[in-house]
Amino acid sequence: MDFSLPPHLPQVLADLDAFIEAEISPLAAEHPEYFDHRREHARTDWERGGLPREEWEALLGEMRRRADAAGFLRYGLPGAIGGRDGSNLDMAVIREHLAHRGLGLHNDLQNESSVVGNFPLVIMMEAFGTAAQRAEFSEAMITGERRLAFGLTEPNHGSDATWLETTAVRDGDGWVVNGAKRFNTAVHTATHDLVFARTSGTPGDARGITAFIVPTDAAGFAVPFYWWTFNMPTDHAEVTLTDVRVGGDAVLGEVDAGLDLAQVFMHENRIRQAASGVGAAQYCIDRAVAHARSRVAFGRPLAVNQAIQWPLVELQTECEMVRWLVYRTAWHMDLAHHLEVSDRVSMANYRANRLVCEAADRAMQVFGGTGYSRHEPFEHIYRHHRRYRITEGSEEIQMRRVAQRLFGFGGG
């Protein structure tokens, strides 16, 4: 059994580091307020509903433009749309590596912006879209000319998507959509929203839900407010749809099979979030160890105290175990249909999300008062990654998926 990385990856990582140092770190240094203790305030337009400041998003856009010009942004996408056909294993290793570098413009996960882009909606479009839809959206979503938000969660239904209450009814050659969505991320800049609605069947049926590409400027599409969250700025909208009319060409994928698309989105995101969690956890552990070795208290370094050593030993051990679970799961995803390994994706994701929260919390404790301050990054890392223990499948739902496979019920 060979545990070495694919031979091309070390050079890819080295090239990424060189690019970041040459192109991205100097750009970030021009705007320190977005990365030091002022970051939350500097990034947030408090007078505009808590949305990201336009200047901050423009900086993220410039980062992505430079990454695209350098050939990194599309790494995980097919060659047909300018990518490098990066595998799931490639992306897991890269995402971990970038998160291990710490906070920065190179990989600001709060906005899902990275020099190596995570494009689950583009992958979904390429897999399920018609030729016309792919021509209109795929390239445009990469460059930012089109932005597709993701509307699945509802006020009364989060993890239980089969019970969603939004409906779409045929109307001539089109559809009329009614309902509401919650935490509909990135609607503030979206040209379209991917809205999941029941088109047949009964509540609780997986079959009978359809995905619609809905223009955000359509009559009846409204955003009453944005939810202010643990980590600001926010782009998590409350959305209402009142008699929103769309054409037949708005359907993405097959009618009544919309949850197949959602599964692709979830698995693509979950394994990469897991990898990022491992990288961020390792960053916190490394910083805590370095601080414990240099910090002198009562005449000796903190590092000689077992009360300091043992919690970090436990975290380092967990980090090693989760890292290899993530790698193996990503490798397996490259060999099999993603649903065949959905239980392992869930294992990797919920354990990695817990791990990074625990590592950030422990780093705060080792650093003491400065660790709790915003002059260190641990509070930001904790607040950001804490969301992933809830979003795109809470850890309880992911454990339920593992149980379904383990005990042989609920779909195998």
Protein backbone atom coordinates (compact mmCIF):
# COMPACT_ATOMS: atom_id res chain seq x y z
CA MET A 1 0.00 0.00 0.00
CA ASP A 2 1.50 3.33 -1.10
CA PHE A 3 0.77 6.35 1.10
CA SER A 4 2.83 8.81 -0.91
CA LEU A 5 1.12 11.71 -2.63
CA PRO A 6 0.68 11.64 -6.41
CA PRO A 7 4.07 12.67 -7.84
CA HIS A 8 2.81 15.87 -9.45
CA LEU A 9 1.36 17.35 -6.26
CA PRO A 10 4.52 18.50 -4.41
CA GLN A 11 5.42 20.70 -7.36
CA VAL A 12 1.87 22.05 -7.55
CA LEU A 13 2.07 23.02 -3.87
CA ALA A 14 5.47 24.63 -4.35
CA ASP A 15 4.20 26.58 -7.35
CA LEU A 16 1.15 27.70 -5.37
CA ASP A 17 3.33 28.95 -2.51
CA ALA A 18 5.55 30.87 -4.90
CA PHE A 19 2.54 32.44 -6.60
CA ILE A 20 0.99 33.45 -3.27
CA GLU A 21 4.22 35.06 -2.08
CA ALA A 22 4.73 36.89 -5.36
CA GLU A 23 1.18 37.97 -6.22
CA ILE A 24 -1.24 37.60 -3.32
CA SER A 25 0.65 38.39 -0.12
CA PRO A 26 1.77 41.82 -1.43
CA LEU A 27 -1.83 42.57 -2.45
CA ALA A 28 -3.06 41.63 1.04
CA ALA A 29 -0.33 43.76 2.62
CA GLU A 30 -1.83 46.81 0.92
CA HIS A 31 -5.04 46.24 2.92
CA PRO A 32 -4.03 45.11 6.44
CA GLU A 33 -7.36 46.17 7.94
CA TYR A 34 -9.03 43.14 6.35
CA PHE A 35 -6.70 40.67 8.06
CA ASP A 36 -5.72 42.08 11.47
CA HIS A 37 -7.85 42.76 14.55
CA ARG A 38 -10.08 45.08 12.48
CA ARG A 39 -11.06 42.37 9.99
CA GLU A 40 -14.70 41.83 10.99
CA HIS A 41 -15.51 45.54 11.11
CA ALA A 42 -13.51 46.38 7.99
CA ARG A 43 -15.19 43.65 5.94
CA THR A 44 -18.76 44.41 7.09
CA ASP A 45 -21.07 47.10 5.76
CA TRP A 46 -23.11 47.51 8.93
CA GLU A 47 -25.37 50.11 7.34
CA ARG A 48 -26.25 47.84 4.41
CA GLY A 49 -27.71 44.95 6.36
CA GLY A 50 -24.37 43.52 7.46
CA LEU A 51 -23.38 42.56 3.91
CA PRO A 52 -19.73 42.35 2.84
CA ARG A 53 -18.30 45.73 1.91
CA GLU A 54 -18.01 46.22 -1.82
CA GLU A 55 -14.33 47.13 -1.45
CA TRP A 56 -13.64 43.85 0.35
CA GLU A 57 -15.41 41.83 -2.34
CA ALA A 58 -13.53 43.75 -5.02
CA LEU A 59 -10.26 42.69 -3.38
CA LEU A 60 -11.41 39.07 -3.38
CA GLY A 61 -12.30 39.45 -7.05
CA GLU A 62 -8.82 40.75 -7.86
CA MET A 63 -7.30 37.78 -6.02
CA ARG A 64 -9.39 35.38 -8.10
CA ARG A 65 -8.51 37.22 -11.32
CA ARG A 66 -4.79 36.87 -10.60
CA ALA A 67 -5.21 33.22 -9.64
CA ASP A 68 -7.08 32.53 -12.87
CA ALA A 69 -4.42 34.28 -14.95
CA ALA A 70 -1.77 32.15 -13.23
CA GLY A 71 -3.64 28.93 -13.99
CA PHE A 72 -4.61 27.98 -10.42
CA LEU A 73 -8.22 29.11 -9.93
CA ARG A 74 -9.75 26.41 -12.14
CA TYR A 75 -7.44 23.61 -11.04
CA GLY A 76 -10.24 21.24 -10.00
CA LEU A 77 -12.40 21.84 -13.08
CA PRO A 78 -12.45 19.86 -16.36
CA GLY A 79 -9.99 20.81 -19.06
CA ALA A 80 -12.91 21.60 -21.37
CA ILE A 81 -13.62 24.76 -19.36
CA GLY A 82 -10.02 25.72 -18.75
CA GLY A 83 -9.34 23.56 -15.71
CA ARG A 84 -6.56 21.10 -14.99
CA ASP A 85 -8.78 18.10 -14.24
CA GLY A 86 -7.63 18.11 -10.64
CA SER A 87 -8.84 15.04 -8.77
CA ASN A 88 -10.71 15.00 -5.49
CA LEU A 89 -7.49 13.84 -3.83
CA ASP A 90 -5.59 16.74 -5.42
CA MET A 91 -8.17 19.20 -4.16
CA ALA A 92 -8.18 17.75 -0.65
CA VAL A 93 -4.40 18.05 -0.35
CA ILE A 94 -4.39 21.55 -1.83
CA ARG A 95 -7.22 22.83 0.34
CA GLU A 96 -5.53 21.47 3.45
CA HIS A 97 -2.24 23.06 2.42
CA LEU A 98 -3.82 26.46 1.85
CA ALA A 99 -5.69 26.42 5.18
CA HIS A 100 -2.49 25.34 6.96
CA ARG A 101 -0.92 28.63 5.85
CA GLY A 102 -3.36 30.45 8.14
CA LEU A 103 -5.75 33.30 7.45
CA GLY A 104 -5.14 35.37 4.38
CA LEU A 105 -6.32 36.62 1.04
CA HIS A 106 -5.05 33.41 -0.56
CA ASN A 107 -7.79 31.34 1.06
CA ASP A 108 -10.55 33.28 2.76
CA LEU A 109 -13.09 30.58 3.42
CA GLN A 110 -15.60 32.98 4.93
CA ASN A 111 -16.47 33.94 1.38
CA GLU A 112 -15.47 30.59 -0.18
CA SER A 113 -12.78 32.51 -2.06
CA SER A 114 -9.46 30.84 -2.74
CA VAL A 115 -6.62 30.92 -5.24
CA VAL A 116 -7.73 27.36 -6.03
CA GLY A 117 -11.45 27.74 -6.49
CA ASN A 118 -14.15 25.51 -5.11
CA PHE A 119 -16.81 25.40 -7.84
CA PRO A 120 -19.46 22.81 -6.91
CA LEU A 121 -22.12 24.72 -8.82
CA VAL A 122 -20.00 24.75 -11.98
CA ILE A 123 -19.42 21.01 -11.62
CA MET A 124 -23.17 20.58 -11.14
CA MET A 125 -23.89 22.68 -14.22
CA GLU A 126 -21.46 20.67 -16.33
CA ALA A 127 -22.96 17.38 -15.09
CA PHE A 128 -26.67 18.23 -15.33
CA GLY A 129 -27.08 21.34 -17.50
CA THR A 130 -28.28 21.45 -21.08
CA ALA A 131 -25.87 22.64 -23.74
CA ALA A 132 -27.54 26.06 -23.65
CA GLN A 133 -27.32 26.27 -19.85
CA ARG A 134 -23.67 25.26 -19.85
CA ALA A 135 -22.88 27.85 -22.52
CA GLU A 136 -24.62 30.57 -20.53
CA PHE A 137 -23.45 29.75 -17.03
CA SER A 138 -20.32 27.61 -16.66
CA GLU A 139 -17.64 30.04 -17.85
CA ALA A 140 -19.59 33.04 -16.57
CA MET A 141 -19.80 31.59 -13.04
CA ILE A 142 -16.03 31.17 -12.97
CA THR A 143 -15.35 34.74 -14.09
CA GLY A 144 -18.12 36.24 -11.96
CA GLU A 145 -20.29 37.49 -14.83
CA ARG A 146 -22.96 35.10 -13.56
CA ARG A 147 -23.47 34.19 -9.93
CA LEU A 148 -25.71 31.28 -8.96
CA ALA A 149 -26.86 31.13 -5.34
CA PHE A 150 -28.14 27.91 -3.75
CA GLY A 151 -31.66 27.88 -2.32
CA LEU A 152 -32.44 24.61 -0.52
CA THR A 153 -32.91 25.37 3.21
CA GLU A 154 -36.28 26.79 4.27
CA PRO A 155 -37.68 28.47 7.40
CA ASN A 156 -39.24 25.21 8.59
CA HIS A 157 -36.93 22.71 6.89
CA GLY A 158 -33.15 22.53 7.04
CA SER A 159 -31.67 19.07 7.06
CA ASP A 160 -35.02 17.47 6.12
CA ALA A 161 -35.01 18.71 2.52
CA THR A 162 -37.57 16.11 1.40
CA TRP A 163 -40.17 18.02 3.43
CA LEU A 164 -39.54 21.41 1.84
CA GLU A 165 -42.68 23.48 1.30
CA THR A 166 -41.68 25.54 -1.75
CA THR A 167 -43.72 24.40 -4.74
CA ALA A 168 -43.58 24.79 -8.50
CA VAL A 169 -46.66 24.25 -10.64
CA ARG A 170 -46.71 23.94 -14.43
CA ASP A 171 -48.09 26.99 -16.20
CA GLY A 172 -48.19 26.57 -19.97
CA ASP A 173 -44.62 25.96 -21.10
CA GLY A 174 -43.21 27.24 -17.82
CA TRP A 175 -43.63 27.07 -14.06
CA VAL A 176 -44.93 29.20 -11.18
CA VAL A 177 -42.85 29.00 -8.00
CA ASN A 178 -44.09 29.87 -4.50
CA GLY A 179 -42.31 29.48 -1.19
CA ALA A 180 -39.46 30.76 0.97
CA LYS A 181 -35.77 30.01 1.48
CA ARG A 182 -33.52 30.68 4.46
CA PHE A 183 -29.74 31.19 4.66
CA ASN A 184 -29.77 31.52 0.88
CA THR A 185 -26.07 32.33 0.63
CA ALA A 186 -24.64 34.93 -1.77
CA VAL A 187 -27.97 36.18 -3.12
CA HIS A 188 -26.77 39.76 -2.70
CA THR A 189 -24.48 39.42 -5.73
CA ALA A 190 -26.29 36.57 -7.50
CA THR A 191 -27.82 36.99 -10.92
CA HIS A 192 -29.74 33.73 -10.42
CA ASP A 193 -30.79 31.48 -7.57
CA LEU A 194 -30.93 27.70 -7.79
CA VAL A 195 -34.28 27.11 -6.11
CA PHE A 196 -35.41 23.63 -5.11
CA ALA A 197 -39.19 23.15 -5.17
CA ARG A 198 -41.62 20.27 -4.94
CA THR A 199 -43.18 19.50 -8.32
CA SER A 200 -44.85 16.16 -7.54
CA GLY A 201 -45.20 13.52 -4.85
CA THR A 202 -45.89 14.06 -1.18
CA PRO A 203 -43.91 15.58 1.71
CA GLY A 204 -41.09 13.27 2.73
CA ASP A 205 -40.59 11.79 -0.76
CA ALA A 206 -37.08 12.19 -2.17
CA ARG A 207 -38.56 11.98 -5.66
CA GLY A 208 -40.64 14.93 -6.83
CA ILE A 209 -38.29 17.83 -6.11
CA THR A 210 -36.96 19.91 -9.01
CA ALA A 211 -34.14 22.48 -9.26
CA PHE A 212 -34.95 25.77 -11.03
CA ILE A 213 -32.57 28.49 -12.19
CA VAL A 214 -34.50 31.59 -11.08
CA PRO A 215 -33.36 35.12 -12.02
CA THR A 216 -33.01 37.17 -8.85
CA ASP A 217 -34.63 40.14 -10.59
CA ALA A 218 -37.77 38.12 -11.43
CA ALA A 219 -41.10 39.60 -10.33
CA GLY A 220 -42.07 38.09 -6.98
CA PHE A 221 -38.48 37.25 -5.94
CA ALA A 222 -37.71 39.22 -2.76
CA VAL A 223 -35.05 39.40 -0.03
CA PRO A 224 -36.70 40.70 3.17
CA PHE A 225 -33.44 40.69 5.16
CA TYR A 226 -30.06 39.03 5.75
CA TRP A 227 -29.36 36.95 8.85
CA TRP A 228 -26.63 38.36 11.08
CA THR A 229 -24.46 35.45 12.10
CA PHE A 230 -21.72 34.39 14.53
CA ASN A 231 -19.13 35.40 11.92
CA MET A 232 -19.70 38.65 10.05
CA PRO A 233 -20.12 39.95 7.38
CA THR A 234 -23.18 38.01 6.28
CA ASP A 235 -24.48 37.01 2.89
CA HIS A 236 -27.14 34.63 4.21
CA ALA A 237 -30.46 35.85 2.87
CA GLU A 238 -34.07 35.20 3.72
CA VAL A 239 -35.82 34.84 0.35
CA THR A 240 -39.51 34.79 -0.54
CA LEU A 241 -40.95 33.67 -3.87
CA THR A 242 -44.46 34.84 -4.69
CA ASP A 243 -45.90 33.64 -8.01
CA VAL A 244 -42.44 33.72 -9.60
CA ARG A 245 -42.74 32.66 -13.24
CA VAL A 246 -39.90 30.88 -15.02
CA GLY A 247 -39.68 29.17 -18.39
CA GLY A 248 -39.32 25.48 -19.05
CA ASP A 249 -35.65 26.07 -19.76
CA ALA A 250 -35.16 27.09 -16.11
CA VAL A 251 -35.16 23.45 -14.98
CA LEU A 252 -31.65 22.19 -14.17
CA GLY A 253 -31.40 18.43 -14.57
CA GLU A 254 -34.49 16.27 -14.69
CA VAL A 255 -37.91 17.27 -13.43
CA ASP A 256 -38.57 15.58 -10.05
CA ALA A 257 -34.88 14.57 -9.65
CA GLY A 258 -33.50 17.75 -8.14
CA LEU A 259 -32.08 16.13 -5.02
CA ASP A 260 -29.58 14.28 -7.23
CA LEU A 261 -28.03 17.69 -7.93
CA ALA A 262 -28.06 18.63 -4.25
CA GLN A 263 -26.15 15.45 -3.40
CA VAL A 264 -23.38 16.36 -5.85
CA PHE A 265 -23.17 19.86 -4.36
CA MET A 266 -23.02 18.51 -0.80
CA HIS A 267 -20.36 15.88 -1.43
CA GLU A 268 -18.12 18.23 -3.40
CA ASN A 269 -18.30 20.78 -0.59
CA ARG A 270 -18.11 18.39 2.33
CA ILE A 271 -14.86 16.67 1.42
CA ARG A 272 -13.17 20.00 0.67
CA GLN A 273 -14.48 21.57 3.85
CA ALA A 274 -13.07 18.58 5.72
CA ALA A 275 -9.67 19.10 4.14
CA SER A 276 -9.74 22.79 5.01
CA GLY A 277 -10.69 21.91 8.57
CA VAL A 278 -7.66 19.64 8.90
CA GLY A 279 -5.38 22.37 7.56
CA ALA A 280 -6.78 25.04 9.85
CA ALA A 281 -6.59 22.67 12.83
CA GLN A 282 -2.94 21.93 12.08
CA TYR A 283 -2.26 25.68 11.88
CA CYS A 284 -3.80 26.18 15.34
CA ILE A 285 -1.86 23.26 16.80
CA ASP A 286 1.43 24.44 15.33
CA ARG A 287 0.92 27.97 16.63
CA ALA A 288 -0.01 26.69 20.10
CA VAL A 289 3.06 24.44 20.26
CA ALA A 290 5.38 27.24 19.14
CA HIS A 291 3.89 29.60 21.74
CA ALA A 292 4.17 27.01 24.51
CA ARG A 293 7.85 26.49 23.70
CA SER A 294 8.66 30.21 23.78
CA ARG A 295 6.38 31.47 26.54
CA VAL A 296 8.02 31.43 29.98
CA ALA A 297 5.81 31.29 33.07
CA PHE A 298 6.99 30.69 36.63
CA GLY A 299 10.55 30.50 35.36
CA ARG A 300 10.14 27.81 32.74
CA PRO A 301 8.53 27.31 29.30
CA LEU A 302 4.84 26.44 29.22
CA ALA A 303 5.74 23.44 27.06
CA VAL A 304 7.20 21.47 29.99
CA ASN A 305 3.78 21.27 31.65
CA GLN A 306 1.78 18.13 30.90
CA ALA A 307 -1.41 20.19 31.21
CA ILE A 308 -0.21 22.00 28.10
CA GLN A 309 1.31 18.99 26.34
CA TRP A 310 -1.42 16.39 26.58
CA PRO A 311 -4.36 18.28 25.07
CA LEU A 312 -2.14 19.22 22.12
CA VAL A 313 -0.94 15.61 21.81
CA GLU A 314 -4.57 14.49 21.63
CA LEU A 315 -5.32 17.09 18.95
CA GLN A 316 -2.23 16.20 16.91
CA THR A 317 -3.20 12.53 17.03
CA GLU A 318 -6.76 13.31 15.93
CA CYS A 319 -5.41 15.54 13.18
CA GLU A 320 -3.28 12.73 11.77
CA MET A 321 -6.19 10.30 11.83
CA VAL A 322 -8.67 12.69 10.21
CA ARG A 323 -6.13 13.78 7.58
CA TRP A 324 -5.73 10.24 6.30
CA LEU A 325 -9.47 9.62 6.44
CA VAL A 326 -9.96 12.71 4.26
CA TYR A 327 -7.24 11.64 1.82
CA ARG A 328 -8.54 8.09 1.51
CA THR A 329 -12.12 9.26 1.08
CA ALA A 330 -11.13 11.76 -1.62
CA TRP A 331 -9.09 9.05 -3.37
CA HIS A 332 -12.08 6.70 -3.22
CA MET A 333 -14.36 9.41 -4.66
CA ASP A 334 -12.08 9.51 -7.69
CA LEU A 335 -12.61 5.78 -8.24
CA ALA A 336 -16.31 5.34 -7.53
CA HIS A 337 -19.63 7.15 -7.72
CA HIS A 338 -19.78 9.69 -4.90
CA LEU A 339 -22.87 8.04 -3.37
CA GLU A 340 -20.90 4.83 -2.86
CA VAL A 341 -18.69 6.63 -0.34
CA SER A 342 -21.21 9.11 1.07
CA ASP A 343 -20.85 7.62 4.56
CA ARG A 344 -17.08 8.19 4.50
CA VAL A 345 -17.56 11.73 3.24
CA SER A 346 -19.85 12.32 6.23
CA MET A 347 -17.33 10.73 8.63
CA ALA A 348 -14.52 12.92 7.33
CA ASN A 349 -16.58 16.08 7.36
CA TYR A 350 -18.12 15.96 10.80
CA ARG A 351 -14.89 14.85 12.47
CA ALA A 352 -12.84 17.53 10.72
CA ASN A 353 -15.35 20.23 11.62
CA ARG A 354 -15.21 19.23 15.27
CA LEU A 355 -11.42 18.97 15.17
CA VAL A 356 -10.78 22.51 13.94
CA CYS A 357 -13.16 24.01 16.51
CA GLU A 358 -11.40 22.10 19.28
CA ALA A 359 -7.97 23.09 17.98
CA ALA A 360 -8.88 26.79 17.76
CA ASP A 361 -10.34 26.66 21.27
CA ARG A 362 -7.21 24.96 22.64
CA ALA A 363 -4.95 27.49 20.91
CA MET A 364 -6.90 30.28 22.63
CA GLN A 365 -6.36 28.54 25.96
CA VAL A 366 -2.61 28.08 25.44
CA PHE A 367 -2.18 31.70 24.35
CA GLY A 368 -4.29 32.91 27.27
CA GLY A 369 -5.71 36.43 27.09
CA THR A 370 -4.06 37.27 23.77
CA GLY A 371 -5.53 34.09 22.30
CA TYR A 372 -8.99 35.30 23.18
CA SER A 373 -8.30 38.69 21.59
CA ARG A 374 -8.87 39.56 17.96
CA HIS A 375 -5.16 40.26 17.61
CA GLU A 376 -4.72 36.52 17.12
CA PRO A 377 -6.68 34.62 14.44
CA PHE A 378 -8.11 31.83 16.59
CA GLU A 379 -11.45 33.47 17.35
CA HIS A 380 -12.02 34.05 13.63
CA ILE A 381 -11.05 30.48 12.75
CA TYR A 382 -13.38 29.14 15.44
CA ARG A 383 -16.33 31.33 14.43
CA HIS A 384 -15.92 30.49 10.76
CA HIS A 385 -15.57 26.73 11.08
CA ARG A 386 -18.27 26.45 13.74
CA ARG A 387 -20.85 27.03 10.99
CA TYR A 388 -19.84 23.84 9.20
CA ARG A 389 -21.03 21.75 12.14
CA ILE A 390 -24.51 22.92 11.07
CA THR A 391 -24.55 23.93 7.40
CA GLU A 392 -24.79 21.57 4.42
CA GLY A 393 -25.73 18.75 6.72
CA SER A 394 -25.41 19.10 10.50
CA GLU A 395 -23.06 16.67 12.21
CA GLU A 396 -26.11 14.82 13.54
CA ILE A 397 -27.42 14.34 10.00
CA GLN A 398 -24.02 13.18 8.85
CA MET A 399 -23.79 10.70 11.71
CA ARG A 400 -27.25 9.51 10.69
CA ARG A 401 -25.92 8.88 7.18
CA VAL A 402 -23.09 6.79 8.60
CA ALA A 403 -25.61 4.87 10.71
CA GLN A 404 -27.76 4.17 7.64
CA ARG A 405 -24.82 2.53 5.90
CA LEU A 406 -23.54 0.83 9.04
CA PHE A 407 -26.87 -0.72 10.04
CA GLY A 408 -28.23 -1.23 6.53
CA PHE A 409 -31.37 0.89 6.54
CA GLY A 410 -32.64 4.12 5.02
CA GLY A 411 -31.28 3.68 1.53
CA GLY A 412 -28.18 1.59 2.22
